[in-house]
Amino acid sequence: MSQMEIDRVLAQIRSLSAQIQSPSTPAAQKSPGAVSEFANIMRSGIDQVNTQQQRADQLADAFERGTPGVELPQVMLEMQKASVSFRALNEVRNRLISAYQEIMNMSL
């Protein structure tokens, strides 16, 4: 995977993180809609990772069938993109679980 692709994925992760950490208005922090917005951002991220994995699987299947125009480097690049996306999603999940556990362990 090229450095440009890695930088692009990291930029996407940072932008999603910035959206989550700093809502656009202070009222959004207190409104029930903020939870919905967070859920929508998470769902969007999960859908993007799923789409990336499905595209990689489709290209791999097309290559295995010998479809003209599907080259091995293209398949390998898409597989690596899907792998990096999944690892990033997994890291976000781990951080969310860690934050949840930390909040649950706080004394009142």
C-alpha atoms as a PDB file:
ATOM      1  CA  MET A   1       0.000   0.000   0.000  1.00  0.00           C
ATOM      2  CA  SER A   2       1.353   3.386  -0.913  1.00  0.00           C
ATOM      3  CA  GLN A   3       2.038   6.133   1.578  1.00  0.00           C
ATOM      4  CA  MET A   4      -0.611   8.308  -0.096  1.00  0.00           C
ATOM      5  CA  GLU A   5      -3.319   5.699   0.535  1.00  0.00           C
ATOM      6  CA  ILE A   6      -2.287   5.331   4.169  1.00  0.00           C
ATOM      7  CA  ASP A   7      -2.316   9.115   4.604  1.00  0.00           C
ATOM      8  CA  ARG A   8      -5.779   9.290   3.048  1.00  0.00           C
ATOM      9  CA  VAL A   9      -7.178   6.647   5.410  1.00  0.00           C
ATOM     10  CA  LEU A  10      -5.582   8.361   8.404  1.00  0.00           C
ATOM     11  CA  ALA A  11      -7.063  11.697   7.308  1.00  0.00           C
ATOM     12  CA  GLN A  12     -10.521  10.112   7.151  1.00  0.00           C
ATOM     13  CA  ILE A  13     -10.092   8.658  10.637  1.00  0.00           C
ATOM     14  CA  ARG A  14      -8.936  12.026  11.982  1.00  0.00           C
ATOM     15  CA  SER A  15     -11.857  13.868  10.399  1.00  0.00           C
ATOM     16  CA  LEU A  16     -14.361  11.415  11.897  1.00  0.00           C
ATOM     17  CA  SER A  17     -12.637  11.726  15.246  1.00  0.00           C
ATOM     18  CA  ALA A  18     -12.796  15.529  15.062  1.00  0.00           C
ATOM     19  CA  GLN A  19     -16.510  15.375  14.221  1.00  0.00           C
ATOM     20  CA  ILE A  20     -17.151  13.172  17.225  1.00  0.00           C
ATOM     21  CA  GLN A  21     -15.017  15.170  19.662  1.00  0.00           C
ATOM     22  CA  SER A  22     -16.189  18.670  18.748  1.00  0.00           C
ATOM     23  CA  PRO A  23     -19.867  18.951  17.869  1.00  0.00           C
ATOM     24  CA  SER A  24     -20.863  21.944  15.754  1.00  0.00           C
ATOM     25  CA  THR A  25     -22.983  23.603  18.452  1.00  0.00           C
ATOM     26  CA  PRO A  26     -23.016  23.483  22.270  1.00  0.00           C
ATOM     27  CA  ALA A  27     -26.737  22.669  22.176  1.00  0.00           C
ATOM     28  CA  ALA A  28     -25.938  19.459  20.320  1.00  0.00           C
ATOM     29  CA  GLN A  29     -24.130  18.153  23.397  1.00  0.00           C
ATOM     30  CA  LYS A  30     -27.268  18.359  25.532  1.00  0.00           C
ATOM     31  CA  SER A  31     -29.923  17.400  23.025  1.00  0.00           C
ATOM     32  CA  PRO A  32     -31.059  13.815  22.452  1.00  0.00           C
ATOM     33  CA  GLY A  33     -30.233  14.368  18.775  1.00  0.00           C
ATOM     34  CA  ALA A  34     -26.508  14.250  19.636  1.00  0.00           C
ATOM     35  CA  VAL A  35     -26.790  10.547  20.391  1.00  0.00           C
ATOM     36  CA  SER A  36     -28.486  10.013  17.067  1.00  0.00           C
ATOM     37  CA  GLU A  37     -25.774  12.007  15.284  1.00  0.00           C
ATOM     38  CA  PHE A  38     -23.076   9.888  16.921  1.00  0.00           C
ATOM     39  CA  ALA A  39     -24.901   6.719  15.933  1.00  0.00           C
ATOM     40  CA  ASN A  40     -25.205   7.976  12.360  1.00  0.00           C
ATOM     41  CA  ILE A  41     -21.479   8.729  12.178  1.00  0.00           C
ATOM     42  CA  MET A  42     -20.633   5.273  13.524  1.00  0.00           C
ATOM     43  CA  ARG A  43     -23.078   3.570  11.178  1.00  0.00           C
ATOM     44  CA  SER A  44     -21.639   5.502   8.245  1.00  0.00           C
ATOM     45  CA  GLY A  45     -18.111   4.391   9.164  1.00  0.00           C
ATOM     46  CA  ILE A  46     -19.170   0.771   9.510  1.00  0.00           C
ATOM     47  CA  ASP A  47     -21.000   0.909   6.178  1.00  0.00           C
ATOM     48  CA  GLN A  48     -17.910   2.312   4.464  1.00  0.00           C
ATOM     49  CA  VAL A  49     -15.739  -0.489   5.836  1.00  0.00           C
ATOM     50  CA  ASN A  50     -18.340  -3.049   4.775  1.00  0.00           C
ATOM     51  CA  THR A  51     -18.490  -1.578   1.271  1.00  0.00           C
ATOM     52  CA  GLN A  52     -14.698  -1.661   1.018  1.00  0.00           C
ATOM     53  CA  GLN A  53     -14.618  -5.326   2.054  1.00  0.00           C
ATOM     54  CA  GLN A  54     -17.374  -6.284  -0.371  1.00  0.00           C
ATOM     55  CA  ARG A  55     -15.556  -4.521  -3.220  1.00  0.00           C
ATOM     56  CA  ALA A  56     -12.338  -6.385  -2.387  1.00  0.00           C
ATOM     57  CA  ASP A  57     -14.219  -9.711  -2.313  1.00  0.00           C
ATOM     58  CA  GLN A  58     -15.891  -8.975  -5.653  1.00  0.00           C
ATOM     59  CA  LEU A  59     -12.563  -8.130  -7.274  1.00  0.00           C
ATOM     60  CA  ALA A  60     -10.974 -11.282  -5.857  1.00  0.00           C
ATOM     61  CA  ASP A  61     -13.833 -13.392  -7.209  1.00  0.00           C
ATOM     62  CA  ALA A  62     -13.577 -11.704 -10.607  1.00  0.00           C
ATOM     63  CA  PHE A  63      -9.825 -12.356 -10.700  1.00  0.00           C
ATOM     64  CA  GLU A  64     -10.326 -16.013  -9.761  1.00  0.00           C
ATOM     65  CA  ARG A  65     -12.837 -16.397 -12.606  1.00  0.00           C
ATOM     66  CA  GLY A  66     -10.400 -14.832 -15.053  1.00  0.00           C
ATOM     67  CA  THR A  67     -12.489 -11.768 -15.831  1.00  0.00           C
ATOM     68  CA  PRO A  68     -10.674  -9.585 -18.357  1.00  0.00           C
ATOM     69  CA  GLY A  69      -9.382  -6.287 -16.991  1.00  0.00           C
ATOM     70  CA  VAL A  70      -8.988  -7.466 -13.391  1.00  0.00           C
ATOM     71  CA  GLU A  71      -5.307  -7.580 -12.503  1.00  0.00           C
ATOM     72  CA  LEU A  72      -3.617  -9.068  -9.448  1.00  0.00           C
ATOM     73  CA  PRO A  73      -2.085  -5.757  -8.235  1.00  0.00           C
ATOM     74  CA  GLN A  74      -5.532  -4.172  -8.315  1.00  0.00           C
ATOM     75  CA  VAL A  75      -6.975  -7.036  -6.267  1.00  0.00           C
ATOM     76  CA  MET A  76      -4.128  -6.915  -3.749  1.00  0.00           C
ATOM     77  CA  LEU A  77      -4.492  -3.134  -3.343  1.00  0.00           C
ATOM     78  CA  GLU A  78      -8.221  -3.412  -2.651  1.00  0.00           C
ATOM     79  CA  MET A  79      -7.614  -6.244  -0.187  1.00  0.00           C
ATOM     80  CA  GLN A  80      -5.056  -4.116   1.677  1.00  0.00           C
ATOM     81  CA  LYS A  81      -7.423  -1.128   1.736  1.00  0.00           C
ATOM     82  CA  ALA A  82     -10.136  -3.340   3.214  1.00  0.00           C
ATOM     83  CA  SER A  83      -7.706  -4.720   5.767  1.00  0.00           C
ATOM     84  CA  VAL A  84      -6.545  -1.268   6.889  1.00  0.00           C
ATOM     85  CA  SER A  85     -10.144  -0.041   7.089  1.00  0.00           C
ATOM     86  CA  PHE A  86     -11.146  -3.020   9.204  1.00  0.00           C
ATOM     87  CA  ARG A  87      -8.182  -2.610  11.537  1.00  0.00           C
ATOM     88  CA  ALA A  88      -9.025   1.078  11.998  1.00  0.00           C
ATOM     89  CA  LEU A  89     -12.657   0.213  12.751  1.00  0.00           C
ATOM     90  CA  ASN A  90     -11.515  -2.431  15.210  1.00  0.00           C
ATOM     91  CA  GLU A  91      -9.297   0.130  16.958  1.00  0.00           C
ATOM     92  CA  VAL A  92     -12.218   2.562  17.239  1.00  0.00           C
ATOM     93  CA  ARG A  93     -14.306  -0.218  18.753  1.00  0.00           C
ATOM     94  CA  ASN A  94     -11.562  -1.044  21.246  1.00  0.00           C
ATOM     95  CA  ARG A  95     -11.284   2.616  22.279  1.00  0.00           C
ATOM     96  CA  LEU A  96     -15.050   2.898  22.717  1.00  0.00           C
ATOM     97  CA  ILE A  97     -15.121  -0.213  24.886  1.00  0.00           C
ATOM     98  CA  SER A  98     -12.219   1.122  26.934  1.00  0.00           C
ATOM     99  CA  ALA A  99     -13.976   4.471  27.435  1.00  0.00           C
ATOM    100  CA  TYR A 100     -17.203   2.717  28.402  1.00  0.00           C
ATOM    101  CA  GLN A 101     -15.402   0.543  30.946  1.00  0.00           C
ATOM    102  CA  GLU A 102     -13.619   3.576  32.369  1.00  0.00           C
ATOM    103  CA  ILE A 103     -16.924   5.422  32.783  1.00  0.00           C
ATOM    104  CA  MET A 104     -18.564   2.390  34.382  1.00  0.00           C
ATOM    105  CA  ASN A 105     -15.693   2.086  36.882  1.00  0.00           C
ATOM    106  CA  MET A 106     -15.986   5.722  38.018  1.00  0.00           C
ATOM    107  CA  SER A 107     -17.207   6.176  41.558  1.00  0.00           C
ATOM    108  CA  LEU A 108     -20.153   8.461  42.129  1.00  0.00           C
END
